[in-house]
């Protein structure tokens, strides 16, 4: 996970996971709508998942 990806996850969580798949984007988008902090946490969890880091 790069530094810029983490910065993007803090300020615009859905954009940080846009290349990880449509489902990830929708989940993080809905979490961000529910609250900014849940969106950040969701984005960081998806970015740290080794399954998506190919």
PDB file of N, CA and C in Angstrom:
ATOM      1  N   UNK A   1       0.852  -1.160   0.000  1.00  0.00           N
ATOM      2  CA  UNK A   1       0.000   0.000   0.000  1.00  0.00           C
ATOM      3  C   UNK A   1       0.903   1.229   0.000  1.00  0.00           C
ATOM      4  N   UNK A   2       0.670   2.090  -0.971  1.00  0.00           N
ATOM      5  CA  UNK A   2       1.518   3.266  -1.102  1.00  0.00           C
ATOM      6  C   UNK A   2       1.023   4.417  -0.223  1.00  0.00           C
ATOM      7  N   UNK A   3       1.909   5.334  -0.007  1.00  0.00           N
ATOM      8  CA  UNK A   3       1.589   6.508   0.804  1.00  0.00           C
ATOM      9  C   UNK A   3       0.446   7.307   0.189  1.00  0.00           C
ATOM     10  N   UNK A   4       0.467   7.484  -1.124  1.00  0.00           N
ATOM     11  CA  UNK A   4      -0.565   8.288  -1.791  1.00  0.00           C
ATOM     12  C   UNK A   4      -1.920   7.603  -1.755  1.00  0.00           C
ATOM     13  N   UNK A   5      -1.924   6.272  -1.752  1.00  0.00           N
ATOM     14  CA  UNK A   5      -3.183   5.536  -1.655  1.00  0.00           C
ATOM     15  C   UNK A   5      -3.809   5.750  -0.286  1.00  0.00           C
ATOM     16  N   UNK A   6      -2.982   5.812   0.760  1.00  0.00           N
ATOM     17  CA  UNK A   6      -3.484   6.062   2.109  1.00  0.00           C
ATOM     18  C   UNK A   6      -4.021   7.487   2.220  1.00  0.00           C
ATOM     19  N   UNK A   7      -3.314   8.448   1.652  1.00  0.00           N
ATOM     20  CA  UNK A   7      -3.788   9.841   1.672  1.00  0.00           C
ATOM     21  C   UNK A   7      -5.115   9.948   0.948  1.00  0.00           C
ATOM     22  N   UNK A   8      -5.237   9.286  -0.203  1.00  0.00           N
ATOM     23  CA  UNK A   8      -6.487   9.300  -0.948  1.00  0.00           C
ATOM     24  C   UNK A   8      -7.599   8.617  -0.162  1.00  0.00           C
ATOM     25  N   UNK A   9      -7.266   7.552   0.568  1.00  0.00           N
ATOM     26  CA  UNK A   9      -8.262   6.859   1.384  1.00  0.00           C
ATOM     27  C   UNK A   9      -8.767   7.738   2.515  1.00  0.00           C
ATOM     28  N   UNK A  10      -7.939   8.630   3.017  1.00  0.00           N
ATOM     29  CA  UNK A  10      -8.370   9.513   4.105  1.00  0.00           C
ATOM     30  C   UNK A  10      -9.280  10.623   3.579  1.00  0.00           C
ATOM     31  N   UNK A  11      -8.950  11.183   2.424  1.00  0.00           N
ATOM     32  CA  UNK A  11      -9.723  12.320   1.929  1.00  0.00           C
ATOM     33  C   UNK A  11     -10.881  11.916   1.021  1.00  0.00           C
ATOM     34  N   UNK A  12     -10.706  10.904   0.184  1.00  0.00           N
ATOM     35  CA  UNK A  12     -11.750  10.435  -0.740  1.00  0.00           C
ATOM     36  C   UNK A  12     -11.748   8.901  -0.767  1.00  0.00           C
ATOM     37  N   UNK A  13     -12.335   8.276   0.249  1.00  0.00           N
ATOM     38  CA  UNK A  13     -12.248   6.818   0.374  1.00  0.00           C
ATOM     39  C   UNK A  13     -12.721   6.030  -0.851  1.00  0.00           C
ATOM     40  N   UNK A  14     -13.843   6.380  -1.489  1.00  0.00           N
ATOM     41  CA  UNK A  14     -14.260   5.566  -2.643  1.00  0.00           C
ATOM     42  C   UNK A  14     -13.258   5.603  -3.808  1.00  0.00           C
ATOM     43  N   UNK A  15     -12.603   6.726  -4.010  1.00  0.00           N
ATOM     44  CA  UNK A  15     -11.634   6.816  -5.099  1.00  0.00           C
ATOM     45  C   UNK A  15     -10.383   5.989  -4.836  1.00  0.00           C
ATOM     46  N   UNK A  16     -10.078   5.748  -3.574  1.00  0.00           N
ATOM     47  CA  UNK A  16      -8.886   4.966  -3.246  1.00  0.00           C
ATOM     48  C   UNK A  16      -9.056   3.496  -3.620  1.00  0.00           C
ATOM     49  N   UNK A  17     -10.305   3.019  -3.677  1.00  0.00           N
ATOM     50  CA  UNK A  17     -10.540   1.607  -3.980  1.00  0.00           C
ATOM     51  C   UNK A  17     -11.214   1.411  -5.330  1.00  0.00           C
ATOM     52  N   UNK A  18     -11.234   2.427  -6.177  1.00  0.00           N
ATOM     53  CA  UNK A  18     -11.969   2.324  -7.442  1.00  0.00           C
ATOM     54  C   UNK A  18     -11.392   1.259  -8.370  1.00  0.00           C
ATOM     55  N   UNK A  19     -10.118   0.940  -8.277  1.00  0.00           N
ATOM     56  CA  UNK A  19      -9.547  -0.092  -9.138  1.00  0.00           C
ATOM     57  C   UNK A  19      -9.589  -1.485  -8.508  1.00  0.00           C
ATOM     58  N   UNK A  20     -10.182  -1.616  -7.339  1.00  0.00           N
ATOM     59  CA  UNK A  20     -10.272  -2.904  -6.656  1.00  0.00           C
ATOM     60  C   UNK A  20     -11.544  -3.670  -7.006  1.00  0.00           C
ATOM     61  N   UNK A  21     -12.427  -3.074  -7.787  1.00  0.00           N
ATOM     62  CA  UNK A  21     -13.655  -3.746  -8.194  1.00  0.00           C
ATOM     63  C   UNK A  21     -14.884  -2.937  -7.833  1.00  0.00           C
ATOM     64  N   UNK A  22     -15.959  -3.239  -8.531  1.00  0.00           N
ATOM     65  CA  UNK A  22     -17.206  -2.492  -8.350  1.00  0.00           C
ATOM     66  C   UNK A  22     -17.798  -2.712  -6.955  1.00  0.00           C
ATOM     67  N   UNK A  23     -17.724  -3.940  -6.463  1.00  0.00           N
ATOM     68  CA  UNK A  23     -18.278  -4.233  -5.142  1.00  0.00           C
ATOM     69  C   UNK A  23     -17.567  -3.472  -4.040  1.00  0.00           C
ATOM     70  N   UNK A  24     -16.263  -3.406  -4.112  1.00  0.00           N
ATOM     71  CA  UNK A  24     -15.486  -2.667  -3.116  1.00  0.00           C
ATOM     72  C   UNK A  24     -15.820  -1.186  -3.166  1.00  0.00           C
ATOM     73  N   UNK A  25     -15.950  -0.654  -4.378  1.00  0.00           N
ATOM     74  CA  UNK A  25     -16.283   0.762  -4.529  1.00  0.00           C
ATOM     75  C   UNK A  25     -17.644   1.068  -3.922  1.00  0.00           C
ATOM     76  N   UNK A  26     -18.635   0.210  -4.199  1.00  0.00           N
ATOM     77  CA  UNK A  26     -19.990   0.440  -3.684  1.00  0.00           C
ATOM     78  C   UNK A  26     -20.021   0.337  -2.162  1.00  0.00           C
ATOM     79  N   UNK A  27     -19.330  -0.652  -1.610  1.00  0.00           N
ATOM     80  CA  UNK A  27     -19.302  -0.817  -0.149  1.00  0.00           C
ATOM     81  C   UNK A  27     -18.682   0.407   0.518  1.00  0.00           C
ATOM     82  N   UNK A  28     -17.544   0.851   0.000  1.00  0.00           N
ATOM     83  CA  UNK A  28     -16.875   2.014   0.598  1.00  0.00           C
ATOM     84  C   UNK A  28     -17.700   3.278   0.380  1.00  0.00           C
ATOM     85  N   UNK A  29     -18.355   3.391  -0.768  1.00  0.00           N
ATOM     86  CA  UNK A  29     -19.209   4.551  -1.020  1.00  0.00           C
ATOM     87  C   UNK A  29     -20.360   4.600  -0.022  1.00  0.00           C
ATOM     88  N   UNK A  30     -21.008   3.473   0.220  1.00  0.00           N
ATOM     89  CA  UNK A  30     -22.115   3.436   1.182  1.00  0.00           C
ATOM     90  C   UNK A  30     -21.620   3.701   2.607  1.00  0.00           C
ATOM     91  N   UNK A  31     -20.458   3.164   2.942  1.00  0.00           N
ATOM     92  CA  UNK A  31     -19.900   3.452   4.264  1.00  0.00           C
ATOM     93  C   UNK A  31     -19.568   4.928   4.412  1.00  0.00           C
ATOM     94  N   UNK A  32     -19.088   5.547   3.343  1.00  0.00           N
ATOM     95  CA  UNK A  32     -18.769   6.966   3.385  1.00  0.00           C
ATOM     96  C   UNK A  32     -20.040   7.803   3.515  1.00  0.00           C
ATOM     97  N   UNK A  33     -21.116   7.368   2.873  1.00  0.00           N
ATOM     98  CA  UNK A  33     -22.384   8.075   3.034  1.00  0.00           C
ATOM     99  C   UNK A  33     -22.896   7.970   4.469  1.00  0.00           C
ATOM    100  N   UNK A  34     -22.655   6.826   5.108  1.00  0.00           N
ATOM    101  CA  UNK A  34     -23.081   6.636   6.490  1.00  0.00           C
ATOM    102  C   UNK A  34     -22.237   7.474   7.448  1.00  0.00           C
ATOM    103  N   UNK A  35     -21.018   7.749   7.061  1.00  0.00           N
ATOM    104  CA  UNK A  35     -20.126   8.545   7.898  1.00  0.00           C
ATOM    105  C   UNK A  35     -18.732   8.515   7.311  1.00  0.00           C
ATOM    106  N   UNK A  36     -18.010   9.568   7.526  1.00  0.00           N
ATOM    107  CA  UNK A  36     -16.690   9.695   6.927  1.00  0.00           C
ATOM    108  C   UNK A  36     -15.708   8.670   7.494  1.00  0.00           C
ATOM    109  N   UNK A  37     -15.721   8.477   8.794  1.00  0.00           N
ATOM    110  CA  UNK A  37     -14.789   7.550   9.454  1.00  0.00           C
ATOM    111  C   UNK A  37     -15.035   6.099   9.036  1.00  0.00           C
ATOM    112  N   UNK A  38     -16.280   5.613   8.975  1.00  0.00           N
ATOM    113  CA  UNK A  38     -16.472   4.242   8.478  1.00  0.00           C
ATOM    114  C   UNK A  38     -15.983   4.054   7.042  1.00  0.00           C
ATOM    115  N   UNK A  39     -16.098   5.071   6.207  1.00  0.00           N
ATOM    116  CA  UNK A  39     -15.589   4.998   4.848  1.00  0.00           C
ATOM    117  C   UNK A  39     -14.083   4.868   4.820  1.00  0.00           C
ATOM    118  N   UNK A  40     -13.410   5.619   5.676  1.00  0.00           N
ATOM    119  CA  UNK A  40     -11.947   5.531   5.756  1.00  0.00           C
ATOM    120  C   UNK A  40     -11.525   4.146   6.238  1.00  0.00           C
ATOM    121  N   UNK A  41     -12.180   3.655   7.258  1.00  0.00           N
ATOM    122  CA  UNK A  41     -11.833   2.339   7.793  1.00  0.00           C
ATOM    123  C   UNK A  41     -12.072   1.261   6.743  1.00  0.00           C
ATOM    124  N   UNK A  42     -13.190   1.324   6.041  1.00  0.00           N
ATOM    125  CA  UNK A  42     -13.472   0.351   4.992  1.00  0.00           C
ATOM    126  C   UNK A  42     -12.444   0.402   3.879  1.00  0.00           C
ATOM    127  N   UNK A  43     -12.067   1.594   3.462  1.00  0.00           N
ATOM    128  CA  UNK A  43     -11.071   1.729   2.399  1.00  0.00           C
ATOM    129  C   UNK A  43      -9.719   1.179   2.842  1.00  0.00           C
ATOM    130  N   UNK A  44      -9.314   1.464   4.059  1.00  0.00           N
ATOM    131  CA  UNK A  44      -8.026   0.964   4.542  1.00  0.00           C
ATOM    132  C   UNK A  44      -8.024  -0.550   4.703  1.00  0.00           C
ATOM    133  N   UNK A  45      -9.156  -1.111   5.115  1.00  0.00           N
ATOM    134  CA  UNK A  45      -9.247  -2.574   5.233  1.00  0.00           C
ATOM    135  C   UNK A  45      -9.124  -3.216   3.858  1.00  0.00           C
ATOM    136  N   UNK A  46      -9.807  -2.663   2.867  1.00  0.00           N
ATOM    137  CA  UNK A  46      -9.733  -3.219   1.513  1.00  0.00           C
ATOM    138  C   UNK A  46      -8.334  -3.042   0.936  1.00  0.00           C
ATOM    139  N   UNK A  47      -7.706  -1.901   1.184  1.00  0.00           N
ATOM    140  CA  UNK A  47      -6.359  -1.682   0.668  1.00  0.00           C
ATOM    141  C   UNK A  47      -5.329  -2.587   1.335  1.00  0.00           C
ATOM    142  N   UNK A  48      -5.561  -2.984   2.586  1.00  0.00           N
ATOM    143  CA  UNK A  48      -4.620  -3.857   3.298  1.00  0.00           C
ATOM    144  C   UNK A  48      -4.873  -5.328   3.048  1.00  0.00           C
ATOM    145  N   UNK A  49      -5.968  -5.670   2.369  1.00  0.00           N
ATOM    146  CA  UNK A  49      -6.291  -7.070   2.105  1.00  0.00           C
ATOM    147  C   UNK A  49      -5.330  -7.626   1.055  1.00  0.00           C
ATOM    148  N   UNK A  50      -4.551  -8.656   1.387  1.00  0.00           N
ATOM    149  CA  UNK A  50      -3.580  -9.182   0.426  1.00  0.00           C
ATOM    150  C   UNK A  50      -4.235  -9.837  -0.793  1.00  0.00           C
ATOM    151  N   UNK A  51      -5.499 -10.189  -0.699  1.00  0.00           N
ATOM    152  CA  UNK A  51      -6.202 -10.803  -1.837  1.00  0.00           C
ATOM    153  C   UNK A  51      -6.298  -9.836  -3.015  1.00  0.00           C
ATOM    154  N   UNK A  52      -6.411  -8.536  -2.742  1.00  0.00           N
ATOM    155  CA  UNK A  52      -6.571  -7.539  -3.787  1.00  0.00           C
ATOM    156  C   UNK A  52      -5.261  -6.927  -4.236  1.00  0.00           C
ATOM    157  N   UNK A  53      -4.163  -7.226  -3.582  1.00  0.00           N
ATOM    158  CA  UNK A  53      -2.865  -6.615  -3.921  1.00  0.00           C
ATOM    159  C   UNK A  53      -2.113  -7.504  -4.895  1.00  0.00           C
ATOM    160  N   UNK A  54      -2.562  -7.536  -6.110  1.00  0.00           N
ATOM    161  CA  UNK A  54      -1.886  -8.342  -7.133  1.00  0.00           C
ATOM    162  C   UNK A  54      -1.065  -7.492  -8.030  1.00  0.00           C
TER     163      UNK A  54
END
